[in-house]
Amino acid sequence: MYSNNNSQKEILNRMLQTTSADVDKSEGSLTYDALSPASNEFEQIYVKLDEVSNKFDISKLIGDELATRVYQKTGITKNLLLMLIL
């Protein structure tokens, strides 16, 4: 979702494209070396955004995360749910 089209390389390329044309942007240049670590961090943020986004979709939750969400929405605890099922 968020990480689609947001790899470190893609982010770095977009950052370099928005840098003035008269600035050296070749690999190893000051500009390239300054933007490269930032683009890596941005990629990691997009991955984390995907993880957080998935937490909002109850169908993707399992275990304690699912039990917590069910409790928040219904007040039904995991133990009560197990008693009702059995």
C-alpha atoms as a PDB file:
ATOM      1  CA  MET A   1       0.000   0.000   0.000  1.00  0.00           C
ATOM      2  CA  TYR A   2       2.193   2.868   1.251  1.00  0.00           C
ATOM      3  CA  SER A   3       5.435   1.090   0.440  1.00  0.00           C
ATOM      4  CA  ASN A   4       4.379   0.502  -3.191  1.00  0.00           C
ATOM      5  CA  ASN A   5       6.576   2.676  -5.417  1.00  0.00           C
ATOM      6  CA  ASN A   6       8.449   3.850  -2.335  1.00  0.00           C
ATOM      7  CA  SER A   7      11.626   1.793  -2.314  1.00  0.00           C
ATOM      8  CA  GLN A   8      14.813   3.499  -1.195  1.00  0.00           C
ATOM      9  CA  LYS A   9      15.978   3.746  -4.799  1.00  0.00           C
ATOM     10  CA  GLU A  10      12.678   5.223  -6.038  1.00  0.00           C
ATOM     11  CA  ILE A  11      12.572   7.759  -3.205  1.00  0.00           C
ATOM     12  CA  LEU A  12      16.195   8.733  -3.793  1.00  0.00           C
ATOM     13  CA  ASN A  13      15.535   9.206  -7.520  1.00  0.00           C
ATOM     14  CA  ARG A  14      12.550  11.470  -6.777  1.00  0.00           C
ATOM     15  CA  MET A  15      14.610  13.475  -4.308  1.00  0.00           C
ATOM     16  CA  LEU A  16      17.431  13.883  -6.813  1.00  0.00           C
ATOM     17  CA  GLN A  17      14.982  14.915  -9.561  1.00  0.00           C
ATOM     18  CA  THR A  18      13.714  17.769  -7.407  1.00  0.00           C
ATOM     19  CA  THR A  19      17.252  19.008  -6.767  1.00  0.00           C
ATOM     20  CA  SER A  20      18.412  21.922  -8.879  1.00  0.00           C
ATOM     21  CA  ALA A  21      19.946  20.937 -12.224  1.00  0.00           C
ATOM     22  CA  ASP A  22      23.156  22.885 -11.556  1.00  0.00           C
ATOM     23  CA  VAL A  23      23.987  20.724  -8.516  1.00  0.00           C
ATOM     24  CA  ASP A  24      26.165  17.612  -8.846  1.00  0.00           C
ATOM     25  CA  LYS A  25      23.886  14.647  -8.126  1.00  0.00           C
ATOM     26  CA  SER A  26      26.161  11.831  -9.227  1.00  0.00           C
ATOM     27  CA  GLU A  27      26.800   8.875  -6.934  1.00  0.00           C
ATOM     28  CA  GLY A  28      29.421   9.887  -4.388  1.00  0.00           C
ATOM     29  CA  SER A  29      28.603  13.588  -4.596  1.00  0.00           C
ATOM     30  CA  LEU A  30      27.733  15.528  -1.458  1.00  0.00           C
ATOM     31  CA  THR A  31      24.083  15.809  -2.543  1.00  0.00           C
ATOM     32  CA  TYR A  32      23.739  12.110  -3.339  1.00  0.00           C
ATOM     33  CA  ASP A  33      25.472  11.070  -0.124  1.00  0.00           C
ATOM     34  CA  ALA A  34      23.294  13.422   1.939  1.00  0.00           C
ATOM     35  CA  LEU A  35      20.003  12.248   0.409  1.00  0.00           C
ATOM     36  CA  SER A  36      20.751   8.517   0.337  1.00  0.00           C
ATOM     37  CA  PRO A  37      20.440   7.832   4.101  1.00  0.00           C
ATOM     38  CA  ALA A  38      17.288   9.954   4.280  1.00  0.00           C
ATOM     39  CA  SER A  39      15.684   8.005   1.441  1.00  0.00           C
ATOM     40  CA  ASN A  40      16.466   4.771   3.282  1.00  0.00           C
ATOM     41  CA  GLU A  41      14.752   6.100   6.415  1.00  0.00           C
ATOM     42  CA  PHE A  42      11.724   7.170   4.386  1.00  0.00           C
ATOM     43  CA  GLU A  43      11.466   3.672   2.924  1.00  0.00           C
ATOM     44  CA  GLN A  44      11.410   2.214   6.449  1.00  0.00           C
ATOM     45  CA  ILE A  45       8.678   4.667   7.439  1.00  0.00           C
ATOM     46  CA  TYR A  46       6.509   3.563   4.499  1.00  0.00           C
ATOM     47  CA  VAL A  47       6.962  -0.077   5.549  1.00  0.00           C
ATOM     48  CA  LYS A  48       5.889   0.822   9.100  1.00  0.00           C
ATOM     49  CA  LEU A  49       2.880   2.717   7.719  1.00  0.00           C
ATOM     50  CA  ASP A  50       1.827  -0.473   5.925  1.00  0.00           C
ATOM     51  CA  GLU A  51       2.119  -2.394   9.200  1.00  0.00           C
ATOM     52  CA  VAL A  52       0.030   0.180  11.077  1.00  0.00           C
ATOM     53  CA  SER A  53      -2.527   0.321   8.284  1.00  0.00           C
ATOM     54  CA  ASN A  54      -2.949  -3.453   8.445  1.00  0.00           C
ATOM     55  CA  LYS A  55      -3.791  -3.183  12.149  1.00  0.00           C
ATOM     56  CA  PHE A  56      -6.975  -1.307  11.202  1.00  0.00           C
ATOM     57  CA  ASP A  57      -8.216  -4.252   9.106  1.00  0.00           C
ATOM     58  CA  ILE A  58      -9.643  -6.729  11.606  1.00  0.00           C
ATOM     59  CA  SER A  59      -9.490  -9.535   9.050  1.00  0.00           C
ATOM     60  CA  LYS A  60      -5.684  -9.300   9.118  1.00  0.00           C
ATOM     61  CA  LEU A  61      -5.357  -9.564  12.898  1.00  0.00           C
ATOM     62  CA  ILE A  62      -4.490 -12.736  14.790  1.00  0.00           C
ATOM     63  CA  GLY A  63      -3.848 -13.791  18.356  1.00  0.00           C
ATOM     64  CA  ASP A  64      -3.720 -11.156  21.054  1.00  0.00           C
ATOM     65  CA  GLU A  65      -4.130  -8.296  18.573  1.00  0.00           C
ATOM     66  CA  LEU A  66      -7.409  -9.811  17.382  1.00  0.00           C
ATOM     67  CA  ALA A  67      -8.575 -10.469  20.952  1.00  0.00           C
ATOM     68  CA  THR A  68      -7.779  -6.889  21.925  1.00  0.00           C
ATOM     69  CA  ARG A  69      -9.676  -5.476  18.937  1.00  0.00           C
ATOM     70  CA  VAL A  70     -12.726  -7.676  19.605  1.00  0.00           C
ATOM     71  CA  TYR A  71     -12.697  -6.600  23.251  1.00  0.00           C
ATOM     72  CA  GLN A  72     -12.434  -2.915  22.279  1.00  0.00           C
ATOM     73  CA  LYS A  73     -15.368  -3.177  19.879  1.00  0.00           C
ATOM     74  CA  THR A  74     -17.652  -5.543  21.780  1.00  0.00           C
ATOM     75  CA  GLY A  75     -16.444  -5.879  25.350  1.00  0.00           C
ATOM     76  CA  ILE A  76     -16.111  -9.633  24.829  1.00  0.00           C
ATOM     77  CA  THR A  77     -12.916 -11.070  26.254  1.00  0.00           C
ATOM     78  CA  LYS A  78     -10.961 -13.897  24.682  1.00  0.00           C
ATOM     79  CA  ASN A  79     -11.870 -16.225  27.556  1.00  0.00           C
ATOM     80  CA  LEU A  80     -15.571 -15.401  27.286  1.00  0.00           C
ATOM     81  CA  LEU A  81     -15.491 -15.950  23.546  1.00  0.00           C
ATOM     82  CA  LEU A  82     -13.840 -19.335  24.020  1.00  0.00           C
ATOM     83  CA  MET A  83     -16.503 -20.328  26.578  1.00  0.00           C
ATOM     84  CA  LEU A  84     -19.269 -19.300  24.146  1.00  0.00           C
ATOM     85  CA  ILE A  85     -17.736 -21.308  21.304  1.00  0.00           C
ATOM     86  CA  LEU A  86     -17.183 -24.438  23.373  1.00  0.00           C
END
